[in-house]
PDB file of N, CA and C in Angstrom:
ATOM      1  N   MET A   1     -10.162 225.711 240.868  1.00  0.00           N
ATOM      2  CA  MET A   1      -9.214 226.190 239.765  1.00  0.00           C
ATOM      3  C   MET A   1      -9.265 227.751 239.938  1.00  0.00           C
ATOM      4  N   GLY A   2      -8.053 228.271 239.529  1.00  0.00           N
ATOM      5  CA  GLY A   2      -7.770 229.612 239.683  1.00  0.00           C
ATOM      6  C   GLY A   2      -8.246 230.337 238.382  1.00  0.00           C
ATOM      7  N   ASN A   3      -8.092 231.621 238.286  1.00  0.00           N
ATOM      8  CA  ASN A   3      -8.514 232.337 237.060  1.00  0.00           C
ATOM      9  C   ASN A   3      -7.389 233.273 236.526  1.00  0.00           C
ATOM     10  N   LEU A   4      -6.134 232.859 236.751  1.00  0.00           N
ATOM     11  CA  LEU A   4      -4.981 233.703 236.125  1.00  0.00           C
ATOM     12  C   LEU A   4      -4.571 232.859 234.899  1.00  0.00           C
ATOM     13  N   THR A   5      -3.891 233.686 233.960  1.00  0.00           N
ATOM     14  CA  THR A   5      -3.395 233.265 232.900  1.00  0.00           C
ATOM     15  C   THR A   5      -2.033 233.731 232.519  1.00  0.00           C
ATOM     16  N   VAL A   6      -1.113 232.827 232.048  1.00  0.00           N
ATOM     17  CA  VAL A   6       0.330 233.181 231.587  1.00  0.00           C
ATOM     18  C   VAL A   6       0.498 232.740 230.094  1.00  0.00           C
ATOM     19  N   ILE A   7       1.121 233.679 229.387  1.00  0.00           N
ATOM     20  CA  ILE A   7       1.547 233.207 227.953  1.00  0.00           C
ATOM     21  C   ILE A   7       3.026 232.973 227.869  1.00  0.00           C
ATOM     22  N   MET A   8       3.482 231.858 227.551  1.00  0.00           N
ATOM     23  CA  MET A   8       4.820 231.395 227.580  1.00  0.00           C
ATOM     24  C   MET A   8       5.247 230.999 226.177  1.00  0.00           C
ATOM     25  N   THR A   9       6.194 231.622 225.582  1.00  0.00           N
ATOM     26  CA  THR A   9       6.850 231.291 224.342  1.00  0.00           C
ATOM     27  C   THR A   9       8.085 230.214 224.639  1.00  0.00           C
ATOM     28  N   ASP A  10       7.981 229.101 224.227  1.00  0.00           N
ATOM     29  CA  ASP A  10       9.027 228.110 224.397  1.00  0.00           C
ATOM     30  C   ASP A  10      10.309 228.396 223.536  1.00  0.00           C
ATOM     31  N   VAL A  11      11.217 227.443 223.885  1.00  0.00           N
ATOM     32  CA  VAL A  11      12.429 227.617 223.019  1.00  0.00           C
ATOM     33  C   VAL A  11      12.432 227.270 221.534  1.00  0.00           C
ATOM     34  N   GLU A  12      11.333 226.676 221.130  1.00  0.00           N
ATOM     35  CA  GLU A  12      10.936 226.236 219.860  1.00  0.00           C
ATOM     36  C   GLU A  12      10.023 227.319 219.232  1.00  0.00           C
ATOM     37  N   GLY A  13       9.748 228.220 219.949  1.00  0.00           N
ATOM     38  CA  GLY A  13       8.847 229.399 219.216  1.00  0.00           C
ATOM     39  C   GLY A  13       7.379 229.181 219.428  1.00  0.00           C
ATOM     40  N   LYS A  14       6.938 228.057 220.009  1.00  0.00           N
ATOM     41  CA  LYS A  14       5.405 227.785 220.229  1.00  0.00           C
ATOM     42  C   LYS A  14       4.955 228.559 221.435  1.00  0.00           C
ATOM     43  N   VAL A  15       3.942 229.218 221.282  1.00  0.00           N
ATOM     44  CA  VAL A  15       3.201 229.925 222.234  1.00  0.00           C
ATOM     45  C   VAL A  15       2.195 229.082 222.968  1.00  0.00           C
ATOM     46  N   HIS A  16       2.380 229.079 224.243  1.00  0.00           N
ATOM     47  CA  HIS A  16       1.473 228.303 225.083  1.00  0.00           C
ATOM     48  C   HIS A  16       0.592 229.353 225.884  1.00  0.00           C
ATOM     49  N   ARG A  17      -0.574 229.369 225.805  1.00  0.00           N
ATOM     50  CA  ARG A  17      -1.492 230.205 226.641  1.00  0.00           C
ATOM     51  C   ARG A  17      -2.135 229.298 227.765  1.00  0.00           C
ATOM     52  N   ILE A  18      -1.683 229.434 228.912  1.00  0.00           N
ATOM     53  CA  ILE A  18      -2.057 228.586 230.014  1.00  0.00           C
ATOM     54  C   ILE A  18      -2.928 229.263 231.112  1.00  0.00           C
ATOM     55  N   GLY A  19      -4.127 228.695 231.184  1.00  0.00           N
ATOM     56  CA  GLY A  19      -5.100 229.535 232.071  1.00  0.00           C
ATOM     57  C   GLY A  19      -5.511 228.660 233.198  1.00  0.00           C
ATOM     58  N   ASN A  20      -6.475 229.147 233.946  1.00  0.00           N
ATOM     59  CA  ASN A  20      -6.922 228.550 235.216  1.00  0.00           C
ATOM     60  C   ASN A  20      -5.900 228.372 236.251  1.00  0.00           C
ATOM     61  N   LEU A  21      -4.952 229.280 236.405  1.00  0.00           N
ATOM     62  CA  LEU A  21      -3.847 229.165 237.266  1.00  0.00           C
ATOM     63  C   LEU A  21      -4.254 229.636 238.704  1.00  0.00           C
ATOM     64  N   ASP A  22      -3.828 229.016 239.640  1.00  0.00           N
ATOM     65  CA  ASP A  22      -4.140 229.527 240.981  1.00  0.00           C
ATOM     66  C   ASP A  22      -3.050 230.595 241.438  1.00  0.00           C
ATOM     67  N   GLU A  23      -3.516 231.437 242.217  1.00  0.00           N
ATOM     68  CA  GLU A  23      -2.408 232.428 242.817  1.00  0.00           C
ATOM     69  C   GLU A  23      -1.338 231.611 243.468  1.00  0.00           C
ATOM     70  N   GLY A  24      -0.220 232.002 243.406  1.00  0.00           N
ATOM     71  CA  GLY A  24       0.895 231.431 244.303  1.00  0.00           C
ATOM     72  C   GLY A  24       1.781 230.332 243.431  1.00  0.00           C
ATOM     73  N   ARG A  25       1.151 229.834 242.355  1.00  0.00           N
ATOM     74  CA  ARG A  25       1.765 228.858 241.409  1.00  0.00           C
ATOM     75  C   ARG A  25       2.850 229.714 240.745  1.00  0.00           C
ATOM     76  N   ASN A  26       4.083 228.868 240.700  1.00  0.00           N
ATOM     77  CA  ASN A  26       5.356 229.525 240.105  1.00  0.00           C
ATOM     78  C   ASN A  26       5.297 229.091 238.587  1.00  0.00           C
ATOM     79  N   LEU A  27       6.025 229.964 237.794  1.00  0.00           N
ATOM     80  CA  LEU A  27       6.121 229.720 236.374  1.00  0.00           C
ATOM     81  C   LEU A  27       6.864 228.456 236.069  1.00  0.00           C
ATOM     82  N   MET A  28       7.758 227.906 236.791  1.00  0.00           N
ATOM     83  CA  MET A  28       8.553 226.674 236.538  1.00  0.00           C
ATOM     84  C   MET A  28       7.542 225.516 236.609  1.00  0.00           C
ATOM     85  N   GLU A  29       6.852 225.564 237.763  1.00  0.00           N
ATOM     86  CA  GLU A  29       5.812 224.320 237.943  1.00  0.00           C
ATOM     87  C   GLU A  29       4.822 224.262 236.809  1.00  0.00           C
ATOM     88  N   THR A  30       4.360 225.600 236.340  1.00  0.00           N
ATOM     89  CA  THR A  30       3.339 225.732 235.321  1.00  0.00           C
ATOM     90  C   THR A  30       3.756 225.222 234.066  1.00  0.00           C
ATOM     91  N   ALA A  31       5.084 225.559 233.727  1.00  0.00           N
ATOM     92  CA  ALA A  31       5.533 225.233 232.355  1.00  0.00           C
ATOM     93  C   ALA A  31       5.923 223.718 232.331  1.00  0.00           C
ATOM     94  N   LYS A  32       6.442 223.206 233.474  1.00  0.00           N
ATOM     95  CA  LYS A  32       6.566 221.636 233.448  1.00  0.00           C
ATOM     96  C   LYS A  32       5.329 220.878 233.284  1.00  0.00           C
ATOM     97  N   ALA A  33       4.250 221.330 234.004  1.00  0.00           N
ATOM     98  CA  ALA A  33       2.987 220.763 233.986  1.00  0.00           C
ATOM     99  C   ALA A  33       2.318 220.817 232.628  1.00  0.00           C
ATOM    100  N   ASN A  34       2.685 221.764 231.785  1.00  0.00           N
ATOM    101  CA  ASN A  34       2.087 222.096 230.401  1.00  0.00           C
ATOM    102  C   ASN A  34       3.053 221.705 229.416  1.00  0.00           C
ATOM    103  N   GLY A  35       4.118 221.146 229.536  1.00  0.00           N
ATOM    104  CA  GLY A  35       4.944 220.719 228.350  1.00  0.00           C
ATOM    105  C   GLY A  35       5.614 221.899 227.584  1.00  0.00           C
ATOM    106  N   VAL A  36       6.090 222.902 228.330  1.00  0.00           N
ATOM    107  CA  VAL A  36       6.702 224.130 227.715  1.00  0.00           C
ATOM    108  C   VAL A  36       8.170 223.713 227.482  1.00  0.00           C
ATOM    109  N   ALA A  37       8.515 223.545 226.262  1.00  0.00           N
ATOM    110  CA  ALA A  37       9.877 223.155 225.946  1.00  0.00           C
ATOM    111  C   ALA A  37      10.925 224.153 226.530  1.00  0.00           C
ATOM    112  N   GLY A  38      12.081 223.607 226.987  1.00  0.00           N
ATOM    113  CA  GLY A  38      13.092 224.409 227.509  1.00  0.00           C
ATOM    114  C   GLY A  38      13.155 224.728 229.059  1.00  0.00           C
ATOM    115  N   ILE A  39      12.074 224.392 229.616  1.00  0.00           N
ATOM    116  CA  ILE A  39      12.043 224.568 231.126  1.00  0.00           C
ATOM    117  C   ILE A  39      12.194 223.069 231.719  1.00  0.00           C
ATOM    118  N   TYR A  40      13.316 223.066 232.464  1.00  0.00           N
ATOM    119  CA  TYR A  40      13.649 221.679 233.215  1.00  0.00           C
ATOM    120  C   TYR A  40      13.382 221.728 234.671  1.00  0.00           C
ATOM    121  N   GLY A  41      13.669 222.737 235.269  1.00  0.00           N
ATOM    122  CA  GLY A  41      13.505 222.901 236.907  1.00  0.00           C
ATOM    123  C   GLY A  41      14.206 221.784 237.639  1.00  0.00           C
ATOM    124  N   ASP A  42      15.481 221.730 237.059  1.00  0.00           N
ATOM    125  CA  ASP A  42      16.356 220.612 237.836  1.00  0.00           C
ATOM    126  C   ASP A  42      16.386 220.617 239.214  1.00  0.00           C
ATOM    127  N   CYS A  43      16.334 221.727 239.950  1.00  0.00           N
ATOM    128  CA  CYS A  43      16.488 221.942 241.313  1.00  0.00           C
ATOM    129  C   CYS A  43      15.281 221.836 242.069  1.00  0.00           C
ATOM    130  N   GLY A  44      14.042 221.731 241.305  1.00  0.00           N
ATOM    131  CA  GLY A  44      12.784 221.519 241.901  1.00  0.00           C
ATOM    132  C   GLY A  44      12.087 222.793 242.313  1.00  0.00           C
ATOM    133  N   GLY A  45      12.774 223.861 241.940  1.00  0.00           N
ATOM    134  CA  GLY A  45      12.162 225.321 242.333  1.00  0.00           C
ATOM    135  C   GLY A  45      12.849 225.907 243.581  1.00  0.00           C
ATOM    136  N   GLY A  46      14.017 225.337 243.947  1.00  0.00           N
ATOM    137  CA  GLY A  46      14.737 225.838 244.974  1.00  0.00           C
ATOM    138  C   GLY A  46      15.773 226.947 244.759  1.00  0.00           C
ATOM    139  N   CYS A  47      15.742 227.587 243.613  1.00  0.00           N
ATOM    140  CA  CYS A  47      16.564 228.707 243.210  1.00  0.00           C
ATOM    141  C   CYS A  47      18.078 228.224 243.352  1.00  0.00           C
ATOM    142  N   ALA A  48      18.415 226.882 242.884  1.00  0.00           N
ATOM    143  CA  ALA A  48      19.760 226.412 243.022  1.00  0.00           C
ATOM    144  C   ALA A  48      20.368 226.129 241.548  1.00  0.00           C
ATOM    145  N   CYS A  49      19.494 226.439 240.540  1.00  0.00           N
ATOM    146  CA  CYS A  49      20.089 226.257 239.238  1.00  0.00           C
ATOM    147  C   CYS A  49      19.498 227.299 238.332  1.00  0.00           C
ATOM    148  N   ALA A  50      19.619 227.206 237.071  1.00  0.00           N
ATOM    149  CA  ALA A  50      19.029 228.269 236.196  1.00  0.00           C
ATOM    150  C   ALA A  50      18.328 227.633 235.054  1.00  0.00           C
ATOM    151  N   THR A  51      17.694 226.469 235.280  1.00  0.00           N
ATOM    152  CA  THR A  51      17.117 225.573 234.176  1.00  0.00           C
ATOM    153  C   THR A  51      15.680 226.024 234.012  1.00  0.00           C
ATOM    154  N   CYS A  52      15.193 227.179 234.539  1.00  0.00           N
ATOM    155  CA  CYS A  52      13.800 227.714 234.299  1.00  0.00           C
ATOM    156  C   CYS A  52      13.925 229.093 233.925  1.00  0.00           C
ATOM    157  N   HIS A  53      15.055 229.486 233.264  1.00  0.00           N
ATOM    158  CA  HIS A  53      15.347 230.821 232.986  1.00  0.00           C
ATOM    159  C   HIS A  53      14.232 231.406 231.918  1.00  0.00           C
ATOM    160  N   VAL A  54      13.838 232.537 232.211  1.00  0.00           N
ATOM    161  CA  VAL A  54      12.877 233.207 231.189  1.00  0.00           C
ATOM    162  C   VAL A  54      13.249 234.619 230.935  1.00  0.00           C
ATOM    163  N   TYR A  55      12.748 235.204 229.956  1.00  0.00           N
ATOM    164  CA  TYR A  55      12.804 236.560 229.685  1.00  0.00           C
ATOM    165  C   TYR A  55      11.469 237.102 229.856  1.00  0.00           C
ATOM    166  N   VAL A  56      11.176 237.986 230.776  1.00  0.00           N
ATOM    167  CA  VAL A  56       9.969 238.763 230.991  1.00  0.00           C
ATOM    168  C   VAL A  56       9.722 239.783 229.992  1.00  0.00           C
ATOM    169  N   ASP A  57       8.639 239.709 229.361  1.00  0.00           N
ATOM    170  CA  ASP A  57       8.236 240.821 228.331  1.00  0.00           C
ATOM    171  C   ASP A  57       8.375 242.195 228.997  1.00  0.00           C
ATOM    172  N   GLU A  58       8.892 243.205 228.340  1.00  0.00           N
ATOM    173  CA  GLU A  58       9.171 244.398 228.951  1.00  0.00           C
ATOM    174  C   GLU A  58       8.024 245.069 229.527  1.00  0.00           C
ATOM    175  N   GLN A  59       6.808 244.949 229.041  1.00  0.00           N
ATOM    176  CA  GLN A  59       5.593 245.636 229.660  1.00  0.00           C
ATOM    177  C   GLN A  59       5.277 245.090 230.888  1.00  0.00           C
ATOM    178  N   TRP A  60       5.845 243.913 231.238  1.00  0.00           N
ATOM    179  CA  TRP A  60       5.443 243.161 232.507  1.00  0.00           C
ATOM    180  C   TRP A  60       6.612 243.381 233.622  1.00  0.00           C
ATOM    181  N   TRP A  61       7.679 243.856 233.219  1.00  0.00           N
ATOM    182  CA  TRP A  61       8.961 243.946 234.068  1.00  0.00           C
ATOM    183  C   TRP A  61       8.701 244.631 235.419  1.00  0.00           C
ATOM    184  N   ALA A  62       7.973 245.779 235.249  1.00  0.00           N
ATOM    185  CA  ALA A  62       7.756 246.573 236.478  1.00  0.00           C
ATOM    186  C   ALA A  62       6.899 245.703 237.599  1.00  0.00           C
ATOM    187  N   LYS A  63       5.993 244.998 236.942  1.00  0.00           N
ATOM    188  CA  LYS A  63       5.163 244.325 237.930  1.00  0.00           C
ATOM    189  C   LYS A  63       5.895 242.996 238.474  1.00  0.00           C
ATOM    190  N   VAL A  64       6.606 242.488 237.653  1.00  0.00           N
ATOM    191  CA  VAL A  64       7.364 241.232 238.049  1.00  0.00           C
ATOM    192  C   VAL A  64       8.430 241.571 239.005  1.00  0.00           C
ATOM    193  N   GLY A  65       9.229 242.692 238.722  1.00  0.00           N
ATOM    194  CA  GLY A  65      10.200 243.056 239.666  1.00  0.00           C
ATOM    195  C   GLY A  65      11.582 242.421 239.263  1.00  0.00           C
ATOM    196  N   GLU A  66      12.562 243.097 240.003  1.00  0.00           N
ATOM    197  CA  GLU A  66      13.925 242.544 239.848  1.00  0.00           C
ATOM    198  C   GLU A  66      14.262 241.310 240.697  1.00  0.00           C
ATOM    199  N   PRO A  67      15.203 240.519 240.232  1.00  0.00           N
ATOM    200  CA  PRO A  67      15.563 239.273 240.992  1.00  0.00           C
ATOM    201  C   PRO A  67      16.281 239.795 242.269  1.00  0.00           C
ATOM    202  N   ASP A  68      16.134 238.929 243.258  1.00  0.00           N
ATOM    203  CA  ASP A  68      16.931 239.130 244.586  1.00  0.00           C
ATOM    204  C   ASP A  68      18.368 238.740 244.298  1.00  0.00           C
ATOM    205  N   ASP A  69      19.179 238.908 245.349  1.00  0.00           N
ATOM    206  CA  ASP A  69      20.565 238.524 245.253  1.00  0.00           C
ATOM    207  C   ASP A  69      20.907 237.012 245.003  1.00  0.00           C
ATOM    208  N   ILE A  70      20.200 236.279 245.574  1.00  0.00           N
ATOM    209  CA  ILE A  70      20.312 234.779 245.330  1.00  0.00           C
ATOM    210  C   ILE A  70      19.949 234.448 243.934  1.00  0.00           C
ATOM    211  N   GLU A  71      18.816 234.945 243.519  1.00  0.00           N
ATOM    212  CA  GLU A  71      18.329 234.613 242.114  1.00  0.00           C
ATOM    213  C   GLU A  71      19.359 235.296 241.146  1.00  0.00           C
ATOM    214  N   GLY A  72      19.981 236.391 241.449  1.00  0.00           N
ATOM    215  CA  GLY A  72      20.928 237.045 240.563  1.00  0.00           C
ATOM    216  C   GLY A  72      22.165 236.268 240.486  1.00  0.00           C
ATOM    217  N   ALA A  73      22.503 235.679 241.558  1.00  0.00           N
ATOM    218  CA  ALA A  73      23.736 234.683 241.580  1.00  0.00           C
ATOM    219  C   ALA A  73      23.451 233.435 240.650  1.00  0.00           C
ATOM    220  N   MET A  74      22.340 233.025 240.685  1.00  0.00           N
ATOM    221  CA  MET A  74      21.910 231.845 239.784  1.00  0.00           C
ATOM    222  C   MET A  74      21.905 232.171 238.378  1.00  0.00           C
ATOM    223  N   LEU A  75      21.380 233.479 238.024  1.00  0.00           N
ATOM    224  CA  LEU A  75      21.412 234.088 236.689  1.00  0.00           C
ATOM    225  C   LEU A  75      22.855 234.163 236.144  1.00  0.00           C
ATOM    226  N   ASP A  76      23.798 234.503 237.077  1.00  0.00           N
ATOM    227  CA  ASP A  76      25.154 234.623 236.695  1.00  0.00           C
ATOM    228  C   ASP A  76      25.685 233.400 236.107  1.00  0.00           C
ATOM    229  N   MET A  77      25.154 232.235 236.309  1.00  0.00           N
ATOM    230  CA  MET A  77      25.664 230.952 235.850  1.00  0.00           C
ATOM    231  C   MET A  77      25.315 230.784 234.303  1.00  0.00           C
ATOM    232  N   VAL A  78      24.343 231.674 233.802  1.00  0.00           N
ATOM    233  CA  VAL A  78      23.909 231.510 232.452  1.00  0.00           C
ATOM    234  C   VAL A  78      24.226 233.003 231.785  1.00  0.00           C
ATOM    235  N   ALA A  79      25.237 233.693 232.196  1.00  0.00           N
ATOM    236  CA  ALA A  79      25.595 234.939 231.751  1.00  0.00           C
ATOM    237  C   ALA A  79      25.584 235.075 230.107  1.00  0.00           C
ATOM    238  N   ASP A  80      25.915 234.043 229.618  1.00  0.00           N
ATOM    239  CA  ASP A  80      26.137 234.011 228.081  1.00  0.00           C
ATOM    240  C   ASP A  80      24.732 234.244 227.425  1.00  0.00           C
ATOM    241  N   VAL A  81      23.605 233.879 228.141  1.00  0.00           N
ATOM    242  CA  VAL A  81      22.277 234.194 227.578  1.00  0.00           C
ATOM    243  C   VAL A  81      21.348 235.120 228.345  1.00  0.00           C
ATOM    244  N   GLN A  82      21.995 235.540 229.324  1.00  0.00           N
ATOM    245  CA  GLN A  82      21.284 236.484 230.319  1.00  0.00           C
ATOM    246  C   GLN A  82      21.122 237.830 229.596  1.00  0.00           C
ATOM    247  N   ARG A  83      19.957 238.381 229.916  1.00  0.00           N
ATOM    248  CA  ARG A  83      19.424 239.700 229.457  1.00  0.00           C
ATOM    249  C   ARG A  83      19.061 240.536 230.685  1.00  0.00           C
ATOM    250  N   PRO A  84      18.758 241.872 230.494  1.00  0.00           N
ATOM    251  CA  PRO A  84      18.271 242.674 231.593  1.00  0.00           C
ATOM    252  C   PRO A  84      16.983 242.238 232.252  1.00  0.00           C
ATOM    253  N   ASN A  85      16.175 241.627 231.417  1.00  0.00           N
ATOM    254  CA  ASN A  85      14.821 241.055 231.794  1.00  0.00           C
ATOM    255  C   ASN A  85      14.796 239.670 232.056  1.00  0.00           C
ATOM    256  N   SER A  86      15.913 238.982 232.471  1.00  0.00           N
ATOM    257  CA  SER A  86      16.069 237.728 232.868  1.00  0.00           C
ATOM    258  C   SER A  86      15.650 237.467 234.285  1.00  0.00           C
ATOM    259  N   ARG A  87      14.782 236.364 234.430  1.00  0.00           N
ATOM    260  CA  ARG A  87      14.269 235.942 235.658  1.00  0.00           C
ATOM    261  C   ARG A  87      14.306 234.463 235.723  1.00  0.00           C
ATOM    262  N   LEU A  88      14.336 233.794 236.838  1.00  0.00           N
ATOM    263  CA  LEU A  88      14.067 232.404 237.018  1.00  0.00           C
ATOM    264  C   LEU A  88      12.600 232.220 237.226  1.00  0.00           C
ATOM    265  N   GLY A  89      11.966 231.160 236.431  1.00  0.00           N
ATOM    266  CA  GLY A  89      10.508 230.986 236.527  1.00  0.00           C
ATOM    267  C   GLY A  89      10.076 230.447 237.975  1.00  0.00           C
ATOM    268  N   CYS A  90      10.995 229.703 238.515  1.00  0.00           N
ATOM    269  CA  CYS A  90      10.725 229.301 239.902  1.00  0.00           C
ATOM    270  C   CYS A  90      10.443 230.382 240.898  1.00  0.00           C
ATOM    271  N   GLN A  91      10.969 231.575 240.589  1.00  0.00           N
ATOM    272  CA  GLN A  91      10.862 232.738 241.611  1.00  0.00           C
ATOM    273  C   GLN A  91       9.781 233.712 241.277  1.00  0.00           C
ATOM    274  N   ILE A  92       8.943 233.493 240.257  1.00  0.00           N
ATOM    275  CA  ILE A  92       7.907 234.268 239.788  1.00  0.00           C
ATOM    276  C   ILE A  92       6.631 233.498 240.051  1.00  0.00           C
ATOM    277  N   ARG A  93       5.929 233.916 241.142  1.00  0.00           N
ATOM    278  CA  ARG A  93       4.700 233.292 241.564  1.00  0.00           C
ATOM    279  C   ARG A  93       3.619 234.232 241.023  1.00  0.00           C
ATOM    280  N   MET A  94       2.565 233.430 240.444  1.00  0.00           N
ATOM    281  CA  MET A  94       1.396 234.120 239.860  1.00  0.00           C
ATOM    282  C   MET A  94       0.537 234.960 240.929  1.00  0.00           C
ATOM    283  N   ARG A  95       0.070 236.017 240.624  1.00  0.00           N
ATOM    284  CA  ARG A  95      -0.738 236.931 241.529  1.00  0.00           C
ATOM    285  C   ARG A  95      -1.631 237.706 240.736  1.00  0.00           C
ATOM    286  N   PRO A  96      -2.707 238.165 241.227  1.00  0.00           N
ATOM    287  CA  PRO A  96      -3.640 238.781 240.254  1.00  0.00           C
ATOM    288  C   PRO A  96      -3.063 239.925 239.379  1.00  0.00           C
ATOM    289  N   GLU A  97      -2.086 240.743 239.829  1.00  0.00           N
ATOM    290  CA  GLU A  97      -1.574 241.803 238.940  1.00  0.00           C
ATOM    291  C   GLU A  97      -0.636 241.159 237.891  1.00  0.00           C
ATOM    292  N   LEU A  98      -0.377 239.763 237.933  1.00  0.00           N
ATOM    293  CA  LEU A  98       0.269 239.248 236.833  1.00  0.00           C
ATOM    294  C   LEU A  98      -0.532 238.510 235.887  1.00  0.00           C
ATOM    295  N   ASP A  99      -1.889 238.634 235.908  1.00  0.00           N
ATOM    296  CA  ASP A  99      -2.989 237.854 235.044  1.00  0.00           C
ATOM    297  C   ASP A  99      -2.463 238.359 233.577  1.00  0.00           C
ATOM    298  N   GLY A 100      -2.205 237.474 232.709  1.00  0.00           N
ATOM    299  CA  GLY A 100      -1.928 237.790 231.283  1.00  0.00           C
ATOM    300  C   GLY A 100      -0.371 237.877 230.972  1.00  0.00           C
ATOM    301  N   LEU A 101       0.386 237.686 232.171  1.00  0.00           N
ATOM    302  CA  LEU A 101       1.964 237.721 232.070  1.00  0.00           C
ATOM    303  C   LEU A 101       2.458 237.204 230.852  1.00  0.00           C
ATOM    304  N   SER A 102       3.522 237.662 230.122  1.00  0.00           N
ATOM    305  CA  SER A 102       3.999 237.139 228.971  1.00  0.00           C
ATOM    306  C   SER A 102       5.544 236.921 229.200  1.00  0.00           C
ATOM    307  N   VAL A 103       6.129 235.740 229.016  1.00  0.00           N
ATOM    308  CA  VAL A 103       7.511 235.524 229.103  1.00  0.00           C
ATOM    309  C   VAL A 103       7.994 234.474 227.880  1.00  0.00           C
ATOM    310  N   THR A 104       9.140 234.614 227.742  1.00  0.00           N
ATOM    311  CA  THR A 104       9.829 233.689 226.700  1.00  0.00           C
ATOM    312  C   THR A 104      10.871 232.962 227.302  1.00  0.00           C
ATOM    313  N   VAL A 105      10.949 231.811 227.120  1.00  0.00           N
ATOM    314  CA  VAL A 105      11.903 230.740 227.629  1.00  0.00           C
ATOM    315  C   VAL A 105      13.211 230.968 227.013  1.00  0.00           C
ATOM    316  N   ALA A 106      14.304 231.210 227.937  1.00  0.00           N
ATOM    317  CA  ALA A 106      15.620 231.394 227.370  1.00  0.00           C
ATOM    318  C   ALA A 106      16.248 230.256 226.839  1.00  0.00           C
ATOM    319  N   PRO A 107      17.101 230.293 225.838  1.00  0.00           N
ATOM    320  CA  PRO A 107      17.804 229.182 225.449  1.00  0.00           C
ATOM    321  C   PRO A 107      18.832 228.630 226.385  1.00  0.00           C
ATOM    322  N   SER A 108      19.115 227.430 226.393  1.00  0.00           N
ATOM    323  CA  SER A 108      20.090 226.749 227.414  1.00  0.00           C
ATOM    324  C   SER A 108      21.327 227.582 227.183  1.00  0.00           C
ATOM    325  N   SER A 109      22.052 227.630 228.232  1.00  0.00           N
ATOM    326  CA  SER A 109      23.383 228.197 228.459  1.00  0.00           C
ATOM    327  C   SER A 109      24.444 227.358 227.738  1.00  0.00           C
ATOM    328  N   ALA A 110      25.360 227.879 227.193  1.00  0.00           N
ATOM    329  CA  ALA A 110      26.454 227.115 226.477  1.00  0.00           C
ATOM    330  C   ALA A 110      27.548 226.669 227.656  1.00  0.00           C
ATOM    331  N   ALA A 111      27.339 227.276 228.786  1.00  0.00           N
ATOM    332  CA  ALA A 111      28.316 226.973 229.838  1.00  0.00           C
ATOM    333  C   ALA A 111      28.294 225.562 230.400  1.00  0.00           C
TER     334      ALA A 111
END
């Protein structure tokens, strides 16, 4: 078992503190395995949908970093709920500098 932790607030406002994560595990897989409401991961983590859309808490943004062009194109699909701190959970992999990362699951897009 790993020793990393992520804090996820789901679409219902429930806070999930998920620990014992291995380095390299992505947030979409983590959320689905732990019943975090609002994360669907329809494409299985292939960055081909936006059903694992999260808002990264501001204090973590610099460590998580900007989405690449492909992820940005997927986020454009949910422009009605996109924010400057939007990322896809499948593209955020846990690593030691993200221990304690806090994100909020974005609401589903109306599109």
